[in-house]
Amino acid sequence: MTQPMAPHRTTSTLPHPPTNCSARPPSAAPQLAGRAPLQTRLTGMRTTLITVAAALTVAVIFIIQNVHAANISFLGVHLVLPLAGALLLAAIVGSLLTVAAGPARITRLRQVMRRGLRKARTG
């Protein structure tokens, strides 16, 4: 088979486009200058580990600097805790309450959907 001749004074280094359009670009193509590196699981894990290490460092510094005692009274319970411990405990409890709100909302929406489906079937 002969390849078509290029017009005069033009050159082409690119391959001809595929006729069936099923060809994919190579996934392990070399990186071109100025392009960002590919995101992989390893780079994502590294970024997560660096973020967690930084957050833990900040938390340790926070705990070390806030060792003063704090009197806490809640529903008749009286505690004396370090200020940092009390604040971290409050943050954890608040986060757990926030996370618990999601499944509660989903459960409620499912109940409403089931009632609607029952009414549609019977009605």
N, C-alpha and C. Protein backbone atom coordinates (compact mmCIF):
# COMPACT_ATOMS: atom_id res chain seq x y z
N MET A 1 0.83 -1.17 0.00
CA MET A 1 0.00 0.00 0.00
C MET A 1 0.88 1.23 0.00
N THR A 2 0.54 2.20 -0.75
CA THR A 2 1.34 3.41 -0.81
C THR A 2 0.69 4.48 0.05
N GLN A 3 1.53 5.29 0.64
CA GLN A 3 1.00 6.38 1.46
C GLN A 3 0.86 7.61 0.59
N PRO A 4 -0.16 8.43 0.89
CA PRO A 4 -0.34 9.63 0.08
C PRO A 4 0.83 10.58 0.27
N MET A 5 1.15 11.25 -0.78
CA MET A 5 2.26 12.20 -0.75
C MET A 5 1.79 13.49 -0.08
N ALA A 6 2.66 14.08 0.70
CA ALA A 6 2.35 15.35 1.35
C ALA A 6 2.46 16.46 0.32
N PRO A 7 1.65 17.51 0.46
CA PRO A 7 1.77 18.63 -0.48
C PRO A 7 3.18 19.20 -0.44
N HIS A 8 3.54 19.88 -1.50
CA HIS A 8 4.86 20.46 -1.65
C HIS A 8 5.17 21.43 -0.51
N ARG A 9 6.37 21.35 0.04
CA ARG A 9 6.91 22.23 1.08
C ARG A 9 6.21 22.07 2.44
N THR A 10 5.58 20.96 2.70
CA THR A 10 5.02 20.72 4.04
C THR A 10 5.53 19.38 4.53
N THR A 11 5.72 19.29 5.80
CA THR A 11 6.13 18.03 6.40
C THR A 11 5.19 17.70 7.54
N SER A 12 5.04 16.45 7.79
CA SER A 12 4.18 16.01 8.88
C SER A 12 4.89 14.92 9.65
N THR A 13 5.01 15.11 10.98
CA THR A 13 5.63 14.10 11.81
C THR A 13 4.57 13.33 12.62
N LEU A 14 3.33 13.75 12.51
CA LEU A 14 2.25 13.08 13.23
C LEU A 14 1.73 11.91 12.43
N PRO A 15 1.33 10.83 13.11
CA PRO A 15 0.75 9.70 12.37
C PRO A 15 -0.62 10.07 11.83
N HIS A 16 -1.05 9.34 10.84
CA HIS A 16 -2.37 9.58 10.27
C HIS A 16 -3.44 9.24 11.30
N PRO A 17 -4.56 9.96 11.31
CA PRO A 17 -5.60 9.65 12.28
C PRO A 17 -6.20 8.28 11.99
N PRO A 18 -6.61 7.55 13.05
CA PRO A 18 -7.17 6.22 12.81
C PRO A 18 -8.51 6.32 12.10
N THR A 19 -8.79 5.33 11.32
CA THR A 19 -10.04 5.36 10.55
C THR A 19 -11.23 4.91 11.38
N ASN A 20 -11.00 4.10 12.43
CA ASN A 20 -12.12 3.62 13.22
C ASN A 20 -12.30 4.40 14.53
N CYS A 21 -11.47 5.36 14.82
CA CYS A 21 -11.53 6.23 16.00
C CYS A 21 -11.52 5.46 17.31
N SER A 22 -10.98 4.25 17.31
CA SER A 22 -10.95 3.47 18.55
C SER A 22 -9.59 3.53 19.22
N ALA A 23 -8.63 4.15 18.58
CA ALA A 23 -7.30 4.21 19.16
C ALA A 23 -7.28 5.21 20.31
N ARG A 24 -6.60 4.82 21.37
CA ARG A 24 -6.48 5.70 22.53
C ARG A 24 -5.07 6.24 22.60
N PRO A 25 -4.92 7.43 23.15
CA PRO A 25 -3.55 7.93 23.32
C PRO A 25 -2.84 7.06 24.36
N PRO A 26 -1.55 6.88 24.24
CA PRO A 26 -0.83 6.03 25.20
C PRO A 26 -0.93 6.63 26.60
N SER A 27 -1.18 5.75 27.60
CA SER A 27 -1.36 6.24 28.97
C SER A 27 -0.04 6.57 29.63
N ALA A 28 1.03 5.95 29.18
CA ALA A 28 2.33 6.20 29.78
C ALA A 28 3.16 7.10 28.88
N ALA A 29 2.54 8.12 28.33
CA ALA A 29 3.25 9.03 27.44
C ALA A 29 4.27 9.82 28.24
N PRO A 30 5.40 10.13 27.65
CA PRO A 30 6.40 10.92 28.38
C PRO A 30 5.85 12.32 28.69
N GLN A 31 6.26 12.85 29.82
CA GLN A 31 5.80 14.17 30.24
C GLN A 31 6.44 15.24 29.36
N LEU A 32 5.62 16.15 28.91
CA LEU A 32 6.11 17.26 28.13
C LEU A 32 6.54 18.39 29.07
N ALA A 33 7.45 19.22 28.61
CA ALA A 33 7.93 20.33 29.44
C ALA A 33 6.77 21.28 29.75
N GLY A 34 6.65 21.69 31.01
CA GLY A 34 5.61 22.63 31.40
C GLY A 34 4.31 21.98 31.82
N ARG A 35 4.20 20.66 31.73
CA ARG A 35 2.97 19.98 32.12
C ARG A 35 3.08 19.47 33.55
N ALA A 36 1.96 19.41 34.23
CA ALA A 36 1.93 18.89 35.60
C ALA A 36 2.09 17.37 35.57
N PRO A 37 2.72 16.79 36.59
CA PRO A 37 2.85 15.34 36.61
C PRO A 37 1.49 14.68 36.82
N LEU A 38 1.39 13.43 36.42
CA LEU A 38 0.14 12.70 36.56
C LEU A 38 -0.17 12.45 38.03
N GLN A 39 -1.45 12.50 38.40
CA GLN A 39 -1.89 12.21 39.76
C GLN A 39 -2.04 10.70 39.91
N THR A 40 -1.35 10.12 40.85
CA THR A 40 -1.44 8.69 41.10
C THR A 40 -1.87 8.45 42.54
N ARG A 41 -2.14 7.20 42.87
CA ARG A 41 -2.52 6.88 44.25
C ARG A 41 -1.38 7.18 45.20
N LEU A 42 -0.15 6.94 44.76
CA LEU A 42 1.00 7.17 45.61
C LEU A 42 1.16 8.66 45.92
N THR A 43 1.01 9.53 44.93
CA THR A 43 1.13 10.96 45.20
C THR A 43 -0.03 11.45 46.05
N GLY A 44 -1.22 10.88 45.86
CA GLY A 44 -2.35 11.24 46.71
C GLY A 44 -2.12 10.83 48.15
N MET A 45 -1.56 9.63 48.35
CA MET A 45 -1.28 9.16 49.70
C MET A 45 -0.19 10.02 50.34
N ARG A 46 0.80 10.40 49.58
CA ARG A 46 1.87 11.24 50.12
C ARG A 46 1.31 12.58 50.56
N THR A 47 0.45 13.17 49.74
CA THR A 47 -0.16 14.45 50.09
C THR A 47 -1.00 14.32 51.35
N THR A 48 -1.75 13.23 51.47
CA THR A 48 -2.56 13.00 52.66
C THR A 48 -1.69 12.84 53.90
N LEU A 49 -0.62 12.08 53.79
CA LEU A 49 0.27 11.89 54.94
C LEU A 49 0.92 13.19 55.39
N ILE A 50 1.32 14.01 54.45
CA ILE A 50 1.92 15.30 54.79
C ILE A 50 0.90 16.18 55.48
N THR A 51 -0.34 16.19 54.99
CA THR A 51 -1.40 16.99 55.60
C THR A 51 -1.71 16.52 57.01
N VAL A 52 -1.80 15.21 57.19
CA VAL A 52 -2.08 14.66 58.53
C VAL A 52 -0.93 14.97 59.48
N ALA A 53 0.30 14.83 59.02
CA ALA A 53 1.45 15.14 59.88
C ALA A 53 1.44 16.61 60.30
N ALA A 54 1.12 17.49 59.38
CA ALA A 54 1.05 18.92 59.71
C ALA A 54 -0.07 19.19 60.71
N ALA A 55 -1.23 18.55 60.52
CA ALA A 55 -2.35 18.75 61.44
C ALA A 55 -2.01 18.22 62.83
N LEU A 56 -1.36 17.07 62.91
CA LEU A 56 -0.96 16.54 64.21
C LEU A 56 0.06 17.42 64.89
N THR A 57 0.99 17.99 64.13
CA THR A 57 1.97 18.91 64.70
C THR A 57 1.28 20.12 65.30
N VAL A 58 0.33 20.68 64.57
CA VAL A 58 -0.43 21.84 65.07
C VAL A 58 -1.21 21.45 66.32
N ALA A 59 -1.81 20.25 66.34
CA ALA A 59 -2.58 19.80 67.50
C ALA A 59 -1.68 19.62 68.72
N VAL A 60 -0.49 19.06 68.54
CA VAL A 60 0.43 18.89 69.66
C VAL A 60 0.87 20.24 70.21
N ILE A 61 1.19 21.18 69.34
CA ILE A 61 1.57 22.52 69.79
C ILE A 61 0.42 23.16 70.54
N PHE A 62 -0.81 22.98 70.06
CA PHE A 62 -1.99 23.53 70.71
C PHE A 62 -2.15 22.95 72.11
N ILE A 63 -1.96 21.64 72.24
CA ILE A 63 -2.10 20.99 73.55
C ILE A 63 -1.02 21.45 74.52
N ILE A 64 0.20 21.55 74.04
CA ILE A 64 1.31 21.97 74.90
C ILE A 64 1.10 23.39 75.41
N GLN A 65 0.59 24.28 74.57
CA GLN A 65 0.42 25.68 74.96
C GLN A 65 -0.82 25.92 75.81
N ASN A 66 -1.77 24.99 75.83
CA ASN A 66 -3.01 25.19 76.58
C ASN A 66 -3.20 24.12 77.64
N VAL A 67 -2.30 24.09 78.61
CA VAL A 67 -2.37 23.11 79.67
C VAL A 67 -3.08 23.64 80.91
N HIS A 68 -3.56 24.86 80.88
CA HIS A 68 -4.25 25.44 82.02
C HIS A 68 -5.54 24.66 82.28
N ALA A 69 -5.89 24.52 83.55
CA ALA A 69 -7.09 23.78 83.91
C ALA A 69 -8.34 24.59 83.59
N ALA A 70 -9.37 23.88 83.17
CA ALA A 70 -10.66 24.51 82.87
C ALA A 70 -11.75 23.76 83.64
N ASN A 71 -12.61 24.49 84.34
CA ASN A 71 -13.74 23.89 85.04
C ASN A 71 -14.90 23.76 84.06
N ILE A 72 -15.41 22.54 83.93
CA ILE A 72 -16.50 22.29 83.00
C ILE A 72 -17.67 21.72 83.78
N SER A 73 -18.84 22.31 83.59
CA SER A 73 -20.07 21.82 84.20
C SER A 73 -21.10 21.60 83.10
N PHE A 74 -21.65 20.39 83.04
CA PHE A 74 -22.65 20.07 82.02
C PHE A 74 -23.64 19.08 82.61
N LEU A 75 -24.89 19.49 82.72
CA LEU A 75 -25.97 18.65 83.23
C LEU A 75 -25.62 18.01 84.58
N GLY A 76 -25.10 18.80 85.46
CA GLY A 76 -24.79 18.32 86.80
C GLY A 76 -23.46 17.62 86.92
N VAL A 77 -22.73 17.43 85.83
CA VAL A 77 -21.41 16.80 85.88
C VAL A 77 -20.38 17.91 85.91
N HIS A 78 -19.47 17.82 86.89
CA HIS A 78 -18.42 18.83 87.02
C HIS A 78 -17.07 18.16 86.77
N LEU A 79 -16.34 18.71 85.83
CA LEU A 79 -15.02 18.18 85.48
C LEU A 79 -13.98 19.28 85.52
N VAL A 80 -12.76 18.89 85.78
CA VAL A 80 -11.62 19.80 85.65
C VAL A 80 -10.68 19.14 84.65
N LEU A 81 -10.58 19.74 83.48
CA LEU A 81 -9.75 19.22 82.39
C LEU A 81 -8.78 20.29 81.92
N PRO A 82 -7.69 19.89 81.29
CA PRO A 82 -6.85 20.88 80.63
C PRO A 82 -7.66 21.57 79.53
N LEU A 83 -7.42 22.83 79.31
CA LEU A 83 -8.18 23.61 78.33
C LEU A 83 -8.12 22.97 76.95
N ALA A 84 -6.94 22.53 76.53
CA ALA A 84 -6.80 21.91 75.20
C ALA A 84 -7.62 20.63 75.11
N GLY A 85 -7.60 19.83 76.16
CA GLY A 85 -8.39 18.60 76.16
C GLY A 85 -9.88 18.88 76.06
N ALA A 86 -10.34 19.90 76.79
CA ALA A 86 -11.76 20.26 76.75
C ALA A 86 -12.16 20.76 75.36
N LEU A 87 -11.32 21.57 74.75
CA LEU A 87 -11.63 22.08 73.41
C LEU A 87 -11.60 20.97 72.36
N LEU A 88 -10.62 20.08 72.45
CA LEU A 88 -10.55 18.97 71.50
C LEU A 88 -11.74 18.03 71.70
N LEU A 89 -12.12 17.77 72.95
CA LEU A 89 -13.29 16.94 73.22
C LEU A 89 -14.55 17.56 72.63
N ALA A 90 -14.71 18.87 72.80
CA ALA A 90 -15.88 19.56 72.23
C ALA A 90 -15.87 19.47 70.71
N ALA A 91 -14.69 19.61 70.09
CA ALA A 91 -14.61 19.52 68.63
C ALA A 91 -14.95 18.12 68.14
N ILE A 92 -14.49 17.10 68.84
CA ILE A 92 -14.78 15.71 68.44
C ILE A 92 -16.27 15.42 68.57
N VAL A 93 -16.87 15.83 69.69
CA VAL A 93 -18.31 15.59 69.88
C VAL A 93 -19.12 16.33 68.82
N GLY A 94 -18.73 17.57 68.51
CA GLY A 94 -19.43 18.33 67.47
C GLY A 94 -19.31 17.67 66.11
N SER A 95 -18.12 17.14 65.80
CA SER A 95 -17.92 16.45 64.52
C SER A 95 -18.77 15.19 64.44
N LEU A 96 -18.83 14.43 65.54
CA LEU A 96 -19.64 13.21 65.55
C LEU A 96 -21.12 13.53 65.37
N LEU A 97 -21.59 14.59 66.00
CA LEU A 97 -22.99 14.98 65.83
C LEU A 97 -23.27 15.39 64.39
N THR A 98 -22.34 16.09 63.78
CA THR A 98 -22.51 16.51 62.40
C THR A 98 -22.53 15.31 61.46
N VAL A 99 -21.63 14.36 61.69
CA VAL A 99 -21.57 13.16 60.86
C VAL A 99 -22.83 12.31 61.05
N ALA A 100 -23.37 12.28 62.26
CA ALA A 100 -24.58 11.49 62.52
C ALA A 100 -25.81 12.08 61.85
N ALA A 101 -25.79 13.37 61.55
CA ALA A 101 -26.94 14.01 60.93
C ALA A 101 -27.16 13.51 59.50
N GLY A 102 -26.10 13.14 58.80
CA GLY A 102 -26.23 12.67 57.41
C GLY A 102 -27.04 11.39 57.29
N PRO A 103 -26.65 10.32 57.98
CA PRO A 103 -27.45 9.09 57.90
C PRO A 103 -28.88 9.26 58.43
N ALA A 104 -29.06 10.11 59.43
CA ALA A 104 -30.41 10.35 59.94
C ALA A 104 -31.28 10.98 58.85
N ARG A 105 -30.73 11.90 58.12
CA ARG A 105 -31.47 12.56 57.04
C ARG A 105 -31.78 11.57 55.92
N ILE A 106 -30.82 10.74 55.57
CA ILE A 106 -31.04 9.74 54.51
C ILE A 106 -32.12 8.76 54.92
N THR A 107 -32.10 8.33 56.19
CA THR A 107 -33.12 7.41 56.68
C THR A 107 -34.51 8.05 56.58
N ARG A 108 -34.60 9.30 56.96
CA ARG A 108 -35.89 10.01 56.89
C ARG A 108 -36.37 10.12 55.44
N LEU A 109 -35.49 10.43 54.51
CA LEU A 109 -35.88 10.53 53.10
C LEU A 109 -36.34 9.18 52.55
N ARG A 110 -35.71 8.10 52.97
CA ARG A 110 -36.13 6.77 52.52
C ARG A 110 -37.53 6.44 53.03
N GLN A 111 -37.81 6.82 54.28
CA GLN A 111 -39.15 6.59 54.83
C GLN A 111 -40.21 7.33 54.02
N VAL A 112 -39.91 8.57 53.68
CA VAL A 112 -40.85 9.38 52.89
C VAL A 112 -41.05 8.76 51.52
N MET A 113 -39.97 8.27 50.90
CA MET A 113 -40.09 7.64 49.58
C MET A 113 -40.93 6.37 49.64
N ARG A 114 -40.72 5.55 50.68
CA ARG A 114 -41.51 4.31 50.81
C ARG A 114 -42.99 4.62 50.96
N ARG A 115 -43.30 5.63 51.78
CA ARG A 115 -44.71 6.01 51.95
C ARG A 115 -45.32 6.46 50.63
N GLY A 116 -44.54 7.25 49.87
CA GLY A 116 -45.04 7.70 48.58
C GLY A 116 -45.27 6.56 47.61
N LEU A 117 -44.35 5.58 47.61
CA LEU A 117 -44.51 4.43 46.72
C LEU A 117 -45.73 3.59 47.13
N ARG A 118 -45.95 3.42 48.44
CA ARG A 118 -47.11 2.65 48.91
C ARG A 118 -48.41 3.34 48.49
N LYS A 119 -48.45 4.65 48.63
CA LYS A 119 -49.65 5.40 48.23
C LYS A 119 -49.88 5.31 46.73
N ALA A 120 -48.81 5.34 45.96
CA ALA A 120 -48.93 5.25 44.49
C ALA A 120 -49.44 3.87 44.07
N ARG A 121 -49.00 2.83 44.76
CA ARG A 121 -49.44 1.47 44.42
C ARG A 121 -50.90 1.25 44.79
N THR A 122 -51.30 1.74 45.94
CA THR A 122 -52.67 1.51 46.41
C THR A 122 -53.66 2.51 45.81
N GLY A 123 -53.20 3.64 45.42
CA GLY A 123 -54.09 4.70 44.97
C GLY A 123 -54.27 4.78 43.55
